[in-house]
Protein backbone atom coordinates (compact mmCIF):
# COMPACT_ATOMS: atom_id res chain seq x y z
CA ALA A 1 144.51 63.02 127.30
CA ILE A 2 141.24 63.82 129.02
CA LEU A 3 138.77 66.34 129.13
CA ASP A 4 136.02 65.93 132.22
CA ALA A 5 133.76 68.30 131.33
CA THR A 6 130.07 68.81 130.76
CA ASN A 7 130.02 70.46 127.58
CA THR A 8 126.16 70.39 127.65
CA THR A 9 125.28 72.09 124.65
CA LYS A 10 125.84 72.01 120.66
CA GLU A 11 127.91 74.81 120.85
CA ARG A 12 129.98 73.72 123.24
CA ARG A 13 130.63 70.33 121.40
CA LYS A 14 131.39 72.44 118.04
CA MET A 15 133.75 75.15 119.97
CA LEU A 16 135.99 72.34 121.23
CA VAL A 17 135.94 70.46 117.68
CA GLU A 18 137.41 73.45 116.01
CA ARG A 19 139.88 74.37 119.29
CA ALA A 20 141.31 70.16 118.62
CA ARG A 21 141.18 71.06 114.66
CA GLU A 22 143.59 73.35 114.98
CA GLU A 23 146.46 70.88 117.00
CA ARG A 24 148.06 67.82 115.11
CA HIS A 25 146.74 64.41 116.24
CA THR A 26 144.14 65.51 117.94
CA MET A 27 140.75 63.78 117.69
CA ILE A 28 137.46 64.07 121.11
CA VAL A 29 135.48 61.26 121.18
CA PHE A 30 132.45 62.83 123.39
CA ILE A 31 131.06 60.21 126.25
CA GLU A 32 128.13 59.94 127.62
CA SER A 33 126.72 58.61 130.34
CA ILE A 34 122.08 57.83 130.76
CA CYS A 35 120.47 56.50 133.04
CA ASP A 36 116.87 56.33 133.81
CA ASP A 37 117.88 53.03 136.00
CA PRO A 38 116.29 53.95 140.03
CA LYS A 39 118.18 51.95 141.87
CA ILE A 40 121.19 52.87 139.96
CA LEU A 41 120.50 56.67 140.28
CA GLN A 42 120.39 55.75 143.52
CA GLN A 43 123.48 54.60 144.47
CA ASN A 44 125.46 57.26 142.55
CA TYR A 45 123.08 59.90 144.96
CA THR A 46 124.20 57.59 148.38
CA GLN A 47 128.48 57.97 146.33
CA LYS A 48 128.05 61.62 145.30
CA LEU A 49 126.82 62.68 149.22
CA LYS A 50 130.48 61.13 149.93
CA ASN A 51 131.79 64.77 148.01
CA GLU A 52 133.63 67.15 149.66
CA ASP A 53 130.99 69.74 148.83
CA TYR A 54 128.76 67.79 151.30
CA VAL A 55 131.49 66.38 154.88
CA ASN A 56 129.36 69.72 156.77
CA LYS A 57 125.86 68.78 155.45
CA ALA A 58 123.09 66.92 156.66
CA GLU A 59 122.34 63.56 155.11
CA ASP A 60 118.20 65.47 153.18
CA GLU A 61 120.50 68.47 152.81
CA ALA A 62 123.01 67.59 150.65
CA LEU A 63 120.33 65.54 148.30
CA LYS A 64 118.64 67.53 147.91
CA ASP A 65 121.61 70.41 146.74
CA PHE A 66 122.77 67.25 144.61
CA LYS A 67 119.62 66.50 142.96
CA GLU A 68 118.81 70.54 142.52
CA ARG A 69 121.95 70.58 140.46
CA ILE A 70 121.28 67.92 138.51
CA ASN A 71 118.13 69.55 137.73
CA ALA A 72 119.55 72.49 136.55
CA TYR A 73 121.95 70.45 134.03
CA GLU A 74 118.88 69.11 132.96
CA GLU A 75 117.32 72.19 132.22
CA ILE A 76 120.05 73.04 129.79
CA TYR A 77 121.63 70.11 128.90
CA GLU A 78 121.48 69.05 124.79
CA THR A 79 121.90 65.85 124.25
CA ILE A 80 124.52 63.92 121.68
CA GLU A 81 123.09 63.65 118.48
CA ASP A 82 124.53 62.28 114.87
CA CYS A 83 124.27 65.60 113.24
CA GLU A 84 126.69 67.31 115.59
CA ILE A 85 130.00 68.84 113.43
CA ASN A 86 127.83 68.15 110.16
CA PHE A 87 127.53 64.78 111.00
CA ALA A 88 131.36 64.06 111.96
CA ILE A 89 130.92 64.33 115.50
CA ARG A 90 132.61 60.96 117.23
CA TYR A 91 131.26 59.83 120.58
CA MET A 92 130.16 56.69 122.72
CA LYS A 93 126.91 57.10 124.75
CA LEU A 94 126.49 54.78 128.01
CA PHE A 95 123.78 53.73 129.56
CA ASN A 96 122.67 52.52 132.31
CA VAL A 97 126.81 52.17 133.90
CA GLY A 98 127.60 49.86 130.22
CA GLN A 99 123.98 47.90 130.30
CA LYS A 100 124.03 48.90 127.18
CA VAL A 101 126.60 51.27 124.72
CA VAL A 102 126.01 53.55 121.83
CA THR A 103 129.60 54.37 119.30
CA ARG A 104 129.37 56.61 116.43
CA ASN A 105 132.60 57.40 114.73
CA CYS A 106 134.82 55.69 116.30
CA ARG A 107 137.35 53.94 115.03
CA GLY A 108 140.60 52.51 116.41
CA TYR A 109 141.43 51.85 120.41
CA LEU A 110 141.41 54.85 123.30
């Protein structure tokens, strides 16, 4: 199963891993997407402004709102670190839409 959510803090990720441990044969792999390429970011903004949230908004107003959402997440976001879950955290970090991929404790197949 895939849980598509913004798990922005170490505490939230820890809670999810602890909950998964209660189930049999359940493993969590976090996927963190990191993008600092201005061209890719602009393409992403263009796509996001086509979402239902922005159908009836002017483009400049929609872009402003979307960037405010991003800033709100950036203020509270804690990047995934190797030391989480007693160094047992499983993750994939995707940099600039796959230009670079880093994994930790990922074995087998998805």
